Amino acid sequence: MTHPITSRRSALRAAAAFVLLTTGAAMAQTKPIRLIVPYPPGGPLDIVARALAEKVQPMLGPVVVDNRPGAGGNLGADLAAKAAPDGTTLVIGAVATHAINPWLFKKIPYDPIHDFTPITGIAQVPNVLVMNAQTADKLGIRQVGDLVRYAKAHPGQLNYGSGGNGSAGHLAGEMFKSQAGVFMVHIPYAGGNPAQLALLSGQVDLTFDNLASASANIRSGKLRAIAVTTATRSSAMPEVPTIAEGGRSTGLGQFAINTWFGLFGPARMPADVTQRLNKAFVEALASPELKARLGSLMAENAASTPDQFGAFVKAELAKYERVVKSSGATVE
C-alpha cells in the first residue's frame, strides 16, 4: 500500500514537472520569429514582408523583420541557412537568391536547395517588354511579331537596357534573344531607374521592366507595352498579351520569366513546424489586406504547399542555369 506522504510527494513532483514543461512550451511559442529580408528597406519584397509579419502575429506570435542586404541577397539567405531549424528564423528568398545567384556568382556560401526548407510561395511580379513609344511608332512595332521581324532584318541595330549584368531585365532579354533567334545589344545600367530613364529619353530602344514601375509611363503613352513576360496575362493590365501569345510563330511560344519571392526556413525543419508556418502565411496572403498590398505592387498571389514551392524552386534553378550561362554574365 502506498504511503499517503509518498503519494503527495509524487503528485507534487508531477505537478511541478507539468508546470515546467508547459512554461517551457509557452516560452518557445512566444520567442519572436526573425523574418530576414535580404534586401534594403522600402522595396516591394520588404513592403510585403512587413505586411505579412503584422498579419501572422495573432497565429504565430511576434515577428520581427530583419533587413540584411548584401551580395545580391546572398548574405541574408546565408544567415537563414545557418540558423537553428526550429522555425524562429525564416527568410524571404527570391528568384535572385535561389535561382539566379547560384549560377551568376562564382561562389555562394549556401546551397539553394539542400540548405533550406521551402514553406510557401508568396508572390510573382510580372515584368513587361516595353518600348519608347516614339521609337516603336517610327519602326512600326506594335506587337512581339513586329519586334522579332525587325530584329531579324536589322541584326544588332536594336538595343535593350537593363538594371545591370545578371539582373532580371538582362536575363529576360537574353532569353528572348535566344528563343527568337535575334541579336540585340545589351546596355547595362546601375539599377532599374537609370535604365528606365534611358528608355524614356530614347537612349535605348526597349527594356524588360517591372510592370509596377513601368505602368504609369505605359498609361501616359510614353512607353508602349508590347507584352508581359509571364506565362499568363497580368490581372493588373489584362489587355497586354504575353510574349508567348505573340510569339508562337517566332520560337517564343514557351517564353515565361518573372520575378518571384517566397518563404524559406533552414534545412531539416520539423514537418509540423513547417506546416504550422505554411498555414499561417497562406491564410495571411488570402486576407483582404495582403490582397490589396499585392495589388498595389501589381503582384500575383503565389501561395502554395511546401512541396509545390520546393518543386517550383528546383525548376527555376534549372531554368536559370541555361539562361545565365548563355548570357555570359558572372559576378566575382
C-alpha atoms as a PDB file:
ATOM      1  CA  MET A   1       0.000   0.000   0.000  1.00  0.00           C
ATOM      2  CA  THR A   2       1.342   3.474  -0.964  1.00  0.00           C
ATOM      3  CA  HIS A   3       2.065   5.746   1.994  1.00  0.00           C
ATOM      4  CA  PRO A   4      -0.059   8.981   1.893  1.00  0.00           C
ATOM      5  CA  ILE A   5       3.031  11.206   2.265  1.00  0.00           C
ATOM      6  CA  THR A   6       4.852   9.431  -0.589  1.00  0.00           C
ATOM      7  CA  SER A   7       1.741   9.749  -2.729  1.00  0.00           C
ATOM      8  CA  ARG A   8       1.501  13.500  -2.046  1.00  0.00           C
ATOM      9  CA  ARG A   9       5.205  13.968  -2.880  1.00  0.00           C
ATOM     10  CA  SER A  10       4.776  12.139  -6.178  1.00  0.00           C
ATOM     11  CA  ALA A  11       1.776  14.271  -7.033  1.00  0.00           C
ATOM     12  CA  LEU A  12       3.718  17.451  -6.229  1.00  0.00           C
ATOM     13  CA  ARG A  13       6.666  16.353  -8.370  1.00  0.00           C
ATOM     14  CA  ALA A  14       4.340  15.550 -11.256  1.00  0.00           C
ATOM     15  CA  ALA A  15       2.627  18.920 -10.923  1.00  0.00           C
ATOM     16  CA  ALA A  16       5.981  20.720 -10.828  1.00  0.00           C
ATOM     17  CA  ALA A  17       7.163  18.862 -13.921  1.00  0.00           C
ATOM     18  CA  PHE A  18       3.939  19.749 -15.730  1.00  0.00           C
ATOM     19  CA  VAL A  19       4.366  23.448 -14.866  1.00  0.00           C
ATOM     20  CA  LEU A  20       7.976  23.404 -16.125  1.00  0.00           C
ATOM     21  CA  LEU A  21       7.001  21.684 -19.369  1.00  0.00           C
ATOM     22  CA  THR A  22       4.053  23.955 -20.120  1.00  0.00           C
ATOM     23  CA  THR A  23       6.024  27.071 -19.187  1.00  0.00           C
ATOM     24  CA  GLY A  24       8.862  25.988 -21.476  1.00  0.00           C
ATOM     25  CA  ALA A  25       6.435  25.327 -24.324  1.00  0.00           C
ATOM     26  CA  ALA A  26       4.829  28.731 -23.833  1.00  0.00           C
ATOM     27  CA  MET A  27       8.243  30.395 -23.823  1.00  0.00           C
ATOM     28  CA  ALA A  28       9.178  28.564 -27.050  1.00  0.00           C
ATOM     29  CA  GLN A  29       5.937  29.656 -28.691  1.00  0.00           C
ATOM     30  CA  THR A  30       6.384  33.312 -27.743  1.00  0.00           C
ATOM     31  CA  LYS A  31      10.020  33.584 -28.844  1.00  0.00           C
ATOM     32  CA  PRO A  32       9.930  36.185 -31.653  1.00  0.00           C
ATOM     33  CA  ILE A  33      10.248  34.912 -35.205  1.00  0.00           C
ATOM     34  CA  ARG A  34      13.087  36.599 -37.064  1.00  0.00           C
ATOM     35  CA  LEU A  35      11.977  37.203 -40.656  1.00  0.00           C
ATOM     36  CA  ILE A  36      15.071  38.032 -42.703  1.00  0.00           C
ATOM     37  CA  VAL A  37      14.660  40.229 -45.771  1.00  0.00           C
ATOM     38  CA  PRO A  38      17.910  40.005 -47.782  1.00  0.00           C
ATOM     39  CA  TYR A  39      17.394  43.434 -49.377  1.00  0.00           C
ATOM     40  CA  PRO A  40      17.232  47.046 -48.121  1.00  0.00           C
ATOM     41  CA  PRO A  41      14.046  48.508 -46.599  1.00  0.00           C
ATOM     42  CA  GLY A  42      11.457  50.072 -48.882  1.00  0.00           C
ATOM     43  CA  GLY A  43      11.460  47.692 -51.846  1.00  0.00           C
ATOM     44  CA  PRO A  44       8.481  45.527 -52.923  1.00  0.00           C
ATOM     45  CA  LEU A  45       9.775  42.447 -51.103  1.00  0.00           C
ATOM     46  CA  ASP A  46      10.307  44.403 -47.879  1.00  0.00           C
ATOM     47  CA  ILE A  47       6.863  46.026 -48.104  1.00  0.00           C
ATOM     48  CA  VAL A  48       5.151  42.640 -48.436  1.00  0.00           C
ATOM     49  CA  ALA A  49       7.311  41.129 -45.671  1.00  0.00           C
ATOM     50  CA  ARG A  50       6.226  43.798 -43.192  1.00  0.00           C
ATOM     51  CA  ALA A  51       2.559  43.378 -44.094  1.00  0.00           C
ATOM     52  CA  LEU A  52       2.864  39.609 -43.647  1.00  0.00           C
ATOM     53  CA  ALA A  53       4.725  39.948 -40.341  1.00  0.00           C
ATOM     54  CA  GLU A  54       1.881  42.004 -38.934  1.00  0.00           C
ATOM     55  CA  LYS A  55      -0.841  39.709 -40.260  1.00  0.00           C
ATOM     56  CA  VAL A  56       0.595  36.419 -38.927  1.00  0.00           C
ATOM     57  CA  GLN A  57       1.304  37.644 -35.394  1.00  0.00           C
ATOM     58  CA  PRO A  58      -2.085  36.551 -33.967  1.00  0.00           C
ATOM     59  CA  MET A  59      -1.275  32.998 -35.114  1.00  0.00           C
ATOM     60  CA  LEU A  60       2.491  32.833 -34.580  1.00  0.00           C
ATOM     61  CA  GLY A  61       3.326  35.483 -32.005  1.00  0.00           C
ATOM     62  CA  PRO A  62       5.800  38.345 -32.501  1.00  0.00           C
ATOM     63  CA  VAL A  63       7.528  38.537 -35.900  1.00  0.00           C
ATOM     64  CA  VAL A  64      10.493  40.884 -36.324  1.00  0.00           C
ATOM     65  CA  VAL A  65      11.579  41.894 -39.840  1.00  0.00           C
ATOM     66  CA  ASP A  66      15.375  41.966 -40.123  1.00  0.00           C
ATOM     67  CA  ASN A  67      16.790  43.614 -43.275  1.00  0.00           C
ATOM     68  CA  ARG A  68      20.155  42.070 -44.143  1.00  0.00           C
ATOM     69  CA  PRO A  69      21.145  43.294 -47.630  1.00  0.00           C
ATOM     70  CA  GLY A  70      24.428  42.434 -49.265  1.00  0.00           C
ATOM     71  CA  ALA A  71      25.987  40.349 -52.058  1.00  0.00           C
ATOM     72  CA  GLY A  72      22.835  40.420 -54.168  1.00  0.00           C
ATOM     73  CA  GLY A  73      20.760  38.869 -51.375  1.00  0.00           C
ATOM     74  CA  ASN A  74      23.249  36.107 -50.588  1.00  0.00           C
ATOM     75  CA  LEU A  75      24.153  37.496 -47.158  1.00  0.00           C
ATOM     76  CA  GLY A  76      20.630  37.358 -45.741  1.00  0.00           C
ATOM     77  CA  ALA A  77      19.882  33.985 -47.327  1.00  0.00           C
ATOM     78  CA  ASP A  78      23.041  32.523 -45.799  1.00  0.00           C
ATOM     79  CA  LEU A  79      22.099  33.778 -42.312  1.00  0.00           C
ATOM     80  CA  ALA A  80      18.863  31.817 -42.526  1.00  0.00           C
ATOM     81  CA  ALA A  81      20.557  28.733 -43.960  1.00  0.00           C
ATOM     82  CA  LYS A  82      22.889  28.555 -40.958  1.00  0.00           C
ATOM     83  CA  ALA A  83      20.216  29.232 -38.289  1.00  0.00           C
ATOM     84  CA  ALA A  84      18.723  26.615 -35.960  1.00  0.00           C
ATOM     85  CA  PRO A  85      15.894  24.729 -37.730  1.00  0.00           C
ATOM     86  CA  ASP A  86      13.297  25.480 -35.052  1.00  0.00           C
ATOM     87  CA  GLY A  87      11.031  27.781 -37.051  1.00  0.00           C
ATOM     88  CA  THR A  88      12.173  31.000 -35.351  1.00  0.00           C
ATOM     89  CA  THR A  89      14.444  32.177 -38.197  1.00  0.00           C
ATOM     90  CA  LEU A  90      12.933  32.495 -41.671  1.00  0.00           C
ATOM     91  CA  VAL A  91      13.950  34.273 -44.865  1.00  0.00           C
ATOM     92  CA  ILE A  92      12.039  35.669 -47.792  1.00  0.00           C
ATOM     93  CA  GLY A  93      14.089  34.338 -50.658  1.00  0.00           C
ATOM     94  CA  ALA A  94      13.651  35.375 -54.261  1.00  0.00           C
ATOM     95  CA  VAL A  95      14.404  34.360 -57.818  1.00  0.00           C
ATOM     96  CA  ALA A  96      17.814  36.014 -57.358  1.00  0.00           C
ATOM     97  CA  THR A  97      18.850  34.222 -54.150  1.00  0.00           C
ATOM     98  CA  HIS A  98      17.526  30.783 -55.092  1.00  0.00           C
ATOM     99  CA  ALA A  99      17.654  30.551 -58.889  1.00  0.00           C
ATOM    100  CA  ILE A 100      19.930  33.197 -60.436  1.00  0.00           C
ATOM    101  CA  ASN A 101      22.764  33.848 -57.966  1.00  0.00           C
ATOM    102  CA  PRO A 102      23.893  30.206 -57.746  1.00  0.00           C
ATOM    103  CA  TRP A 103      24.846  30.462 -61.441  1.00  0.00           C
ATOM    104  CA  LEU A 104      25.732  34.168 -61.557  1.00  0.00           C
ATOM    105  CA  PHE A 105      28.206  34.250 -58.637  1.00  0.00           C
ATOM    106  CA  LYS A 106      31.362  32.191 -58.939  1.00  0.00           C
ATOM    107  CA  LYS A 107      30.883  31.132 -55.308  1.00  0.00           C
ATOM    108  CA  ILE A 108      27.987  31.435 -52.847  1.00  0.00           C
ATOM    109  CA  PRO A 109      28.009  30.257 -49.207  1.00  0.00           C
ATOM    110  CA  TYR A 110      24.846  28.119 -49.342  1.00  0.00           C
ATOM    111  CA  ASP A 111      23.112  25.501 -51.442  1.00  0.00           C
ATOM    112  CA  PRO A 112      19.750  26.919 -52.636  1.00  0.00           C
ATOM    113  CA  ILE A 113      18.028  23.529 -52.390  1.00  0.00           C
ATOM    114  CA  HIS A 114      19.706  21.462 -49.666  1.00  0.00           C
ATOM    115  CA  ASP A 115      20.250  24.255 -47.120  1.00  0.00           C
ATOM    116  CA  PHE A 116      16.608  25.379 -46.928  1.00  0.00           C
ATOM    117  CA  THR A 117      13.120  24.156 -46.109  1.00  0.00           C
ATOM    118  CA  PRO A 118      10.582  25.616 -48.572  1.00  0.00           C
ATOM    119  CA  ILE A 119       7.441  26.825 -46.782  1.00  0.00           C
ATOM    120  CA  THR A 120       5.285  28.682 -49.333  1.00  0.00           C
ATOM    121  CA  GLY A 121       5.478  30.877 -52.357  1.00  0.00           C
ATOM    122  CA  ILE A 122       4.431  34.456 -51.662  1.00  0.00           C
ATOM    123  CA  ALA A 123       4.133  36.428 -54.883  1.00  0.00           C
ATOM    124  CA  GLN A 124       5.068  36.619 -58.533  1.00  0.00           C
ATOM    125  CA  VAL A 125       5.655  40.016 -60.110  1.00  0.00           C
ATOM    126  CA  PRO A 126       5.275  40.300 -63.896  1.00  0.00           C
ATOM    127  CA  ASN A 127       7.870  42.019 -65.997  1.00  0.00           C
ATOM    128  CA  VAL A 128       6.865  43.722 -69.222  1.00  0.00           C
ATOM    129  CA  LEU A 129       8.601  44.255 -72.545  1.00  0.00           C
ATOM    130  CA  VAL A 130       8.275  47.990 -73.178  1.00  0.00           C
ATOM    131  CA  MET A 131       9.498  50.266 -75.947  1.00  0.00           C
ATOM    132  CA  ASN A 132       9.873  54.006 -76.148  1.00  0.00           C
ATOM    133  CA  ALA A 133       6.557  54.893 -77.844  1.00  0.00           C
ATOM    134  CA  GLN A 134       8.153  57.217 -80.414  1.00  0.00           C
ATOM    135  CA  THR A 135      10.729  54.575 -81.335  1.00  0.00           C
ATOM    136  CA  ALA A 136       8.015  51.926 -81.655  1.00  0.00           C
ATOM    137  CA  ASP A 137       5.966  54.173 -83.960  1.00  0.00           C
ATOM    138  CA  LYS A 138       8.995  55.019 -86.102  1.00  0.00           C
ATOM    139  CA  LEU A 139       9.890  51.336 -86.527  1.00  0.00           C
ATOM    140  CA  GLY A 140       6.283  50.137 -86.923  1.00  0.00           C
ATOM    141  CA  ILE A 141       6.421  47.845 -83.880  1.00  0.00           C
ATOM    142  CA  ARG A 142       3.183  47.190 -82.023  1.00  0.00           C
ATOM    143  CA  GLN A 143       3.477  43.518 -81.049  1.00  0.00           C
ATOM    144  CA  VAL A 144       6.024  40.770 -80.472  1.00  0.00           C
ATOM    145  CA  GLY A 145       5.925  39.505 -84.055  1.00  0.00           C
ATOM    146  CA  ASP A 146       6.767  43.000 -85.370  1.00  0.00           C
ATOM    147  CA  LEU A 147       9.726  43.245 -82.988  1.00  0.00           C
ATOM    148  CA  VAL A 148      11.143  39.851 -83.971  1.00  0.00           C
ATOM    149  CA  ARG A 149      10.771  40.573 -87.691  1.00  0.00           C
ATOM    150  CA  TYR A 150      12.501  43.940 -87.359  1.00  0.00           C
ATOM    151  CA  ALA A 151      15.314  42.493 -85.216  1.00  0.00           C
ATOM    152  CA  LYS A 152      15.940  39.699 -87.726  1.00  0.00           C
ATOM    153  CA  ALA A 153      16.005  42.152 -90.638  1.00  0.00           C
ATOM    154  CA  HIS A 154      18.299  44.573 -88.769  1.00  0.00           C
ATOM    155  CA  PRO A 155      20.638  42.446 -86.596  1.00  0.00           C
ATOM    156  CA  GLY A 156      22.430  44.434 -83.908  1.00  0.00           C
ATOM    157  CA  GLN A 157      20.589  47.673 -84.645  1.00  0.00           C
ATOM    158  CA  LEU A 158      18.209  47.388 -81.701  1.00  0.00           C
ATOM    159  CA  ASN A 159      19.453  47.698 -78.137  1.00  0.00           C
ATOM    160  CA  TYR A 160      17.889  46.998 -74.772  1.00  0.00           C
ATOM    161  CA  GLY A 161      18.678  48.429 -71.357  1.00  0.00           C
ATOM    162  CA  SER A 162      18.681  46.679 -68.007  1.00  0.00           C
ATOM    163  CA  GLY A 163      19.447  47.338 -64.348  1.00  0.00           C
ATOM    164  CA  GLY A 164      22.832  45.609 -64.708  1.00  0.00           C
ATOM    165  CA  ASN A 165      24.551  42.399 -65.726  1.00  0.00           C
ATOM    166  CA  GLY A 166      22.688  39.431 -64.287  1.00  0.00           C
ATOM    167  CA  SER A 167      19.577  41.471 -63.424  1.00  0.00           C
ATOM    168  CA  ALA A 168      16.102  40.126 -64.172  1.00  0.00           C
ATOM    169  CA  GLY A 169      15.797  42.518 -67.116  1.00  0.00           C
ATOM    170  CA  HIS A 170      19.133  41.416 -68.561  1.00  0.00           C
ATOM    171  CA  LEU A 171      18.306  37.713 -68.313  1.00  0.00           C
ATOM    172  CA  ALA A 172      14.827  38.210 -69.779  1.00  0.00           C
ATOM    173  CA  GLY A 173      16.454  39.927 -72.746  1.00  0.00           C
ATOM    174  CA  GLU A 174      18.971  37.126 -73.217  1.00  0.00           C
ATOM    175  CA  MET A 175      16.228  34.524 -73.029  1.00  0.00           C
ATOM    176  CA  PHE A 176      14.182  36.483 -75.606  1.00  0.00           C
ATOM    177  CA  LYS A 177      17.176  36.719 -77.973  1.00  0.00           C
ATOM    178  CA  SER A 178      17.975  33.024 -77.637  1.00  0.00           C
ATOM    179  CA  GLN A 179      14.443  31.752 -78.233  1.00  0.00           C
ATOM    180  CA  ALA A 180      13.619  34.198 -81.041  1.00  0.00           C
ATOM    181  CA  GLY A 181      16.997  33.791 -82.735  1.00  0.00           C
ATOM    182  CA  VAL A 182      17.738  37.527 -82.859  1.00  0.00           C
ATOM    183  CA  PHE A 183      20.640  39.736 -81.819  1.00  0.00           C
ATOM    184  CA  MET A 184      20.102  42.931 -79.825  1.00  0.00           C
ATOM    185  CA  VAL A 185      22.811  44.868 -77.994  1.00  0.00           C
ATOM    186  CA  HIS A 186      22.583  44.815 -74.190  1.00  0.00           C
ATOM    187  CA  ILE A 187      23.309  48.088 -72.369  1.00  0.00           C
ATOM    188  CA  PRO A 188      23.589  47.623 -68.573  1.00  0.00           C
ATOM    189  CA  TYR A 189      22.836  50.483 -66.183  1.00  0.00           C
ATOM    190  CA  ALA A 190      23.415  50.878 -62.443  1.00  0.00           C
ATOM    191  CA  GLY A 191      19.867  49.944 -61.458  1.00  0.00           C
ATOM    192  CA  GLY A 192      16.337  49.859 -62.837  1.00  0.00           C
ATOM    193  CA  ASN A 193      15.641  53.594 -62.546  1.00  0.00           C
ATOM    194  CA  PRO A 194      18.575  54.706 -64.732  1.00  0.00           C
ATOM    195  CA  ALA A 195      17.589  52.085 -67.308  1.00  0.00           C
ATOM    196  CA  GLN A 196      14.029  53.409 -67.384  1.00  0.00           C
ATOM    197  CA  LEU A 197      15.247  56.999 -67.781  1.00  0.00           C
ATOM    198  CA  ALA A 198      17.436  55.887 -70.690  1.00  0.00           C
ATOM    199  CA  LEU A 199      14.387  54.279 -72.319  1.00  0.00           C
ATOM    200  CA  LEU A 200      12.226  57.373 -71.832  1.00  0.00           C
ATOM    201  CA  SER A 201      14.898  59.612 -73.338  1.00  0.00           C
ATOM    202  CA  GLY A 202      15.390  57.338 -76.343  1.00  0.00           C
ATOM    203  CA  GLN A 203      18.932  56.241 -75.460  1.00  0.00           C
ATOM    204  CA  VAL A 204      17.770  52.621 -75.580  1.00  0.00           C
ATOM    205  CA  ASP A 205      15.018  51.071 -77.672  1.00  0.00           C
ATOM    206  CA  LEU A 206      13.409  48.690 -75.199  1.00  0.00           C
ATOM    207  CA  THR A 207      13.642  47.166 -71.733  1.00  0.00           C
ATOM    208  CA  PHE A 208      12.152  44.248 -69.813  1.00  0.00           C
ATOM    209  CA  ASP A 209      10.916  46.281 -66.851  1.00  0.00           C
ATOM    210  CA  ASN A 210       8.937  45.622 -63.682  1.00  0.00           C
ATOM    211  CA  LEU A 211       5.261  46.104 -64.528  1.00  0.00           C
ATOM    212  CA  ALA A 212       4.570  48.222 -61.447  1.00  0.00           C
ATOM    213  CA  SER A 213       7.408  50.659 -62.172  1.00  0.00           C
ATOM    214  CA  ALA A 214       6.546  50.906 -65.882  1.00  0.00           C
ATOM    215  CA  SER A 215       2.768  51.171 -65.539  1.00  0.00           C
ATOM    216  CA  ALA A 216       2.499  54.952 -65.091  1.00  0.00           C
ATOM    217  CA  ASN A 217       4.521  55.631 -68.248  1.00  0.00           C
ATOM    218  CA  ILE A 218       2.570  52.968 -70.149  1.00  0.00           C
ATOM    219  CA  ARG A 219      -0.720  54.616 -69.220  1.00  0.00           C
ATOM    220  CA  SER A 220       0.591  58.085 -70.057  1.00  0.00           C
ATOM    221  CA  GLY A 221       1.593  56.886 -73.526  1.00  0.00           C
ATOM    222  CA  LYS A 222       5.334  57.490 -73.118  1.00  0.00           C
ATOM    223  CA  LEU A 223       6.026  53.748 -73.230  1.00  0.00           C
ATOM    224  CA  ARG A 224       4.361  51.065 -75.310  1.00  0.00           C
ATOM    225  CA  ALA A 225       3.702  47.756 -73.581  1.00  0.00           C
ATOM    226  CA  ILE A 226       4.479  45.102 -76.173  1.00  0.00           C
ATOM    227  CA  ALA A 227       3.912  42.067 -73.932  1.00  0.00           C
ATOM    228  CA  VAL A 228       4.251  40.759 -70.390  1.00  0.00           C
ATOM    229  CA  THR A 229       6.918  38.136 -69.733  1.00  0.00           C
ATOM    230  CA  THR A 230       4.776  35.794 -67.613  1.00  0.00           C
ATOM    231  CA  ALA A 231       3.062  32.601 -68.811  1.00  0.00           C
ATOM    232  CA  THR A 232      -0.376  34.204 -68.331  1.00  0.00           C
ATOM    233  CA  ARG A 233      -1.630  37.768 -68.645  1.00  0.00           C
ATOM    234  CA  SER A 234      -1.442  40.048 -65.626  1.00  0.00           C
ATOM    235  CA  SER A 235      -4.723  40.811 -63.878  1.00  0.00           C
ATOM    236  CA  ALA A 236      -3.381  44.346 -63.314  1.00  0.00           C
ATOM    237  CA  MET A 237      -3.128  45.006 -67.069  1.00  0.00           C
ATOM    238  CA  PRO A 238      -5.099  42.224 -68.794  1.00  0.00           C
ATOM    239  CA  GLU A 239      -5.170  43.995 -72.144  1.00  0.00           C
ATOM    240  CA  VAL A 240      -1.419  43.384 -72.613  1.00  0.00           C
ATOM    241  CA  PRO A 241      -0.708  39.974 -74.199  1.00  0.00           C
ATOM    242  CA  THR A 242       2.042  37.621 -73.092  1.00  0.00           C
ATOM    243  CA  ILE A 243       5.246  37.182 -75.101  1.00  0.00           C
ATOM    244  CA  ALA A 244       4.257  33.537 -75.610  1.00  0.00           C
ATOM    245  CA  GLU A 245       0.896  34.557 -77.138  1.00  0.00           C
ATOM    246  CA  GLY A 246       2.505  36.884 -79.628  1.00  0.00           C
ATOM    247  CA  GLY A 247       5.498  34.686 -80.318  1.00  0.00           C
ATOM    248  CA  ARG A 248       4.087  31.274 -81.223  1.00  0.00           C
ATOM    249  CA  SER A 249       5.328  31.599 -84.815  1.00  0.00           C
ATOM    250  CA  THR A 250       8.694  33.070 -83.779  1.00  0.00           C
ATOM    251  CA  GLY A 251      10.055  30.491 -81.333  1.00  0.00           C
ATOM    252  CA  LEU A 252       8.729  32.281 -78.250  1.00  0.00           C
ATOM    253  CA  GLY A 253       5.655  30.117 -77.639  1.00  0.00           C
ATOM    254  CA  GLN A 254       7.051  28.771 -74.339  1.00  0.00           C
ATOM    255  CA  PHE A 255       8.535  32.048 -73.094  1.00  0.00           C
ATOM    256  CA  ALA A 256       7.917  32.600 -69.357  1.00  0.00           C
ATOM    257  CA  ILE A 257      10.075  34.521 -66.927  1.00  0.00           C
ATOM    258  CA  ASN A 258       9.195  36.657 -63.921  1.00  0.00           C
ATOM    259  CA  THR A 259      10.291  37.910 -60.530  1.00  0.00           C
ATOM    260  CA  TRP A 260       9.102  35.817 -57.592  1.00  0.00           C
ATOM    261  CA  PHE A 261       9.685  35.522 -53.873  1.00  0.00           C
ATOM    262  CA  GLY A 262       8.733  33.048 -51.177  1.00  0.00           C
ATOM    263  CA  LEU A 263       9.288  31.892 -47.616  1.00  0.00           C
ATOM    264  CA  PHE A 264      12.072  29.526 -46.547  1.00  0.00           C
ATOM    265  CA  GLY A 265      13.392  28.151 -43.265  1.00  0.00           C
ATOM    266  CA  PRO A 266      16.686  26.381 -42.599  1.00  0.00           C
ATOM    267  CA  ALA A 267      17.045  22.772 -43.753  1.00  0.00           C
ATOM    268  CA  ARG A 268      15.781  19.955 -41.522  1.00  0.00           C
ATOM    269  CA  MET A 269      12.888  21.912 -40.013  1.00  0.00           C
ATOM    270  CA  PRO A 270      10.339  19.516 -38.450  1.00  0.00           C
ATOM    271  CA  ALA A 271       7.316  18.806 -40.657  1.00  0.00           C
ATOM    272  CA  ASP A 272       4.823  20.016 -38.044  1.00  0.00           C
ATOM    273  CA  VAL A 273       6.651  23.347 -37.715  1.00  0.00           C
ATOM    274  CA  THR A 274       6.740  23.744 -41.500  1.00  0.00           C
ATOM    275  CA  GLN A 275       3.018  23.023 -41.776  1.00  0.00           C
ATOM    276  CA  ARG A 276       2.139  25.457 -38.975  1.00  0.00           C
ATOM    277  CA  LEU A 277       4.104  28.236 -40.693  1.00  0.00           C
ATOM    278  CA  ASN A 278       2.628  27.390 -44.087  1.00  0.00           C
ATOM    279  CA  LYS A 279      -0.916  27.570 -42.715  1.00  0.00           C
ATOM    280  CA  ALA A 280      -0.340  30.951 -41.056  1.00  0.00           C
ATOM    281  CA  PHE A 281       1.317  32.605 -44.060  1.00  0.00           C
ATOM    282  CA  VAL A 282      -1.080  31.160 -46.657  1.00  0.00           C
ATOM    283  CA  GLU A 283      -4.053  32.397 -44.624  1.00  0.00           C
ATOM    284  CA  ALA A 284      -2.408  35.825 -44.318  1.00  0.00           C
ATOM    285  CA  LEU A 285      -1.867  36.013 -48.091  1.00  0.00           C
ATOM    286  CA  ALA A 286      -5.591  35.352 -48.614  1.00  0.00           C
ATOM    287  CA  SER A 287      -6.603  38.278 -46.381  1.00  0.00           C
ATOM    288  CA  PRO A 288      -8.055  41.489 -47.879  1.00  0.00           C
ATOM    289  CA  GLU A 289      -5.103  43.481 -46.502  1.00  0.00           C
ATOM    290  CA  LEU A 290      -2.495  41.366 -48.286  1.00  0.00           C
ATOM    291  CA  LYS A 291      -4.560  41.194 -51.476  1.00  0.00           C
ATOM    292  CA  ALA A 292      -4.618  44.983 -51.520  1.00  0.00           C
ATOM    293  CA  ARG A 293      -0.901  45.211 -50.790  1.00  0.00           C
ATOM    294  CA  LEU A 294      -0.014  42.793 -53.591  1.00  0.00           C
ATOM    295  CA  GLY A 295      -2.415  44.580 -55.922  1.00  0.00           C
ATOM    296  CA  SER A 296      -0.684  47.898 -55.311  1.00  0.00           C
ATOM    297  CA  LEU A 297       2.560  46.254 -56.491  1.00  0.00           C
ATOM    298  CA  MET A 298       0.830  44.553 -59.452  1.00  0.00           C
ATOM    299  CA  ALA A 299       1.937  41.250 -57.933  1.00  0.00           C
ATOM    300  CA  GLU A 300       0.060  37.941 -58.094  1.00  0.00           C
ATOM    301  CA  ASN A 301      -0.528  35.757 -55.030  1.00  0.00           C
ATOM    302  CA  ALA A 302       1.705  32.669 -55.293  1.00  0.00           C
ATOM    303  CA  ALA A 303       0.704  30.820 -52.089  1.00  0.00           C
ATOM    304  CA  SER A 304       1.409  27.091 -52.278  1.00  0.00           C
ATOM    305  CA  THR A 305       2.136  23.972 -50.271  1.00  0.00           C
ATOM    306  CA  PRO A 306       5.739  23.347 -49.165  1.00  0.00           C
ATOM    307  CA  ASP A 307       6.082  20.529 -51.719  1.00  0.00           C
ATOM    308  CA  GLN A 308       4.716  22.667 -54.557  1.00  0.00           C
ATOM    309  CA  PHE A 309       7.026  25.528 -53.680  1.00  0.00           C
ATOM    310  CA  GLY A 310      10.030  23.221 -53.409  1.00  0.00           C
ATOM    311  CA  ALA A 311       9.337  21.734 -56.863  1.00  0.00           C
ATOM    312  CA  PHE A 312       8.907  25.228 -58.307  1.00  0.00           C
ATOM    313  CA  VAL A 313      12.255  26.406 -56.913  1.00  0.00           C
ATOM    314  CA  LYS A 314      14.055  23.355 -58.353  1.00  0.00           C
ATOM    315  CA  ALA A 315      12.535  24.023 -61.780  1.00  0.00           C
ATOM    316  CA  GLU A 316      13.510  27.703 -61.630  1.00  0.00           C
ATOM    317  CA  LEU A 317      17.081  26.822 -60.642  1.00  0.00           C
ATOM    318  CA  ALA A 318      17.383  24.518 -63.658  1.00  0.00           C
ATOM    319  CA  LYS A 319      15.853  27.106 -65.991  1.00  0.00           C
ATOM    320  CA  TYR A 320      18.189  29.891 -64.938  1.00  0.00           C
ATOM    321  CA  GLU A 321      21.263  27.702 -65.287  1.00  0.00           C
ATOM    322  CA  ARG A 322      20.680  27.773 -69.040  1.00  0.00           C
ATOM    323  CA  VAL A 323      19.759  31.471 -69.132  1.00  0.00           C
ATOM    324  CA  VAL A 324      22.684  32.728 -67.034  1.00  0.00           C
ATOM    325  CA  LYS A 325      25.277  30.576 -68.785  1.00  0.00           C
ATOM    326  CA  SER A 326      24.064  31.652 -72.235  1.00  0.00           C
ATOM    327  CA  SER A 327      24.209  35.312 -71.152  1.00  0.00           C
ATOM    328  CA  GLY A 328      27.853  35.018 -70.107  1.00  0.00           C
ATOM    329  CA  ALA A 329      27.152  37.177 -67.014  1.00  0.00           C
ATOM    330  CA  THR A 330      29.283  36.495 -63.920  1.00  0.00           C
ATOM    331  CA  VAL A 331      29.932  38.170 -60.565  1.00  0.00           C
ATOM    332  CA  GLU A 332      33.117  37.565 -58.589  1.00  0.00           C
END
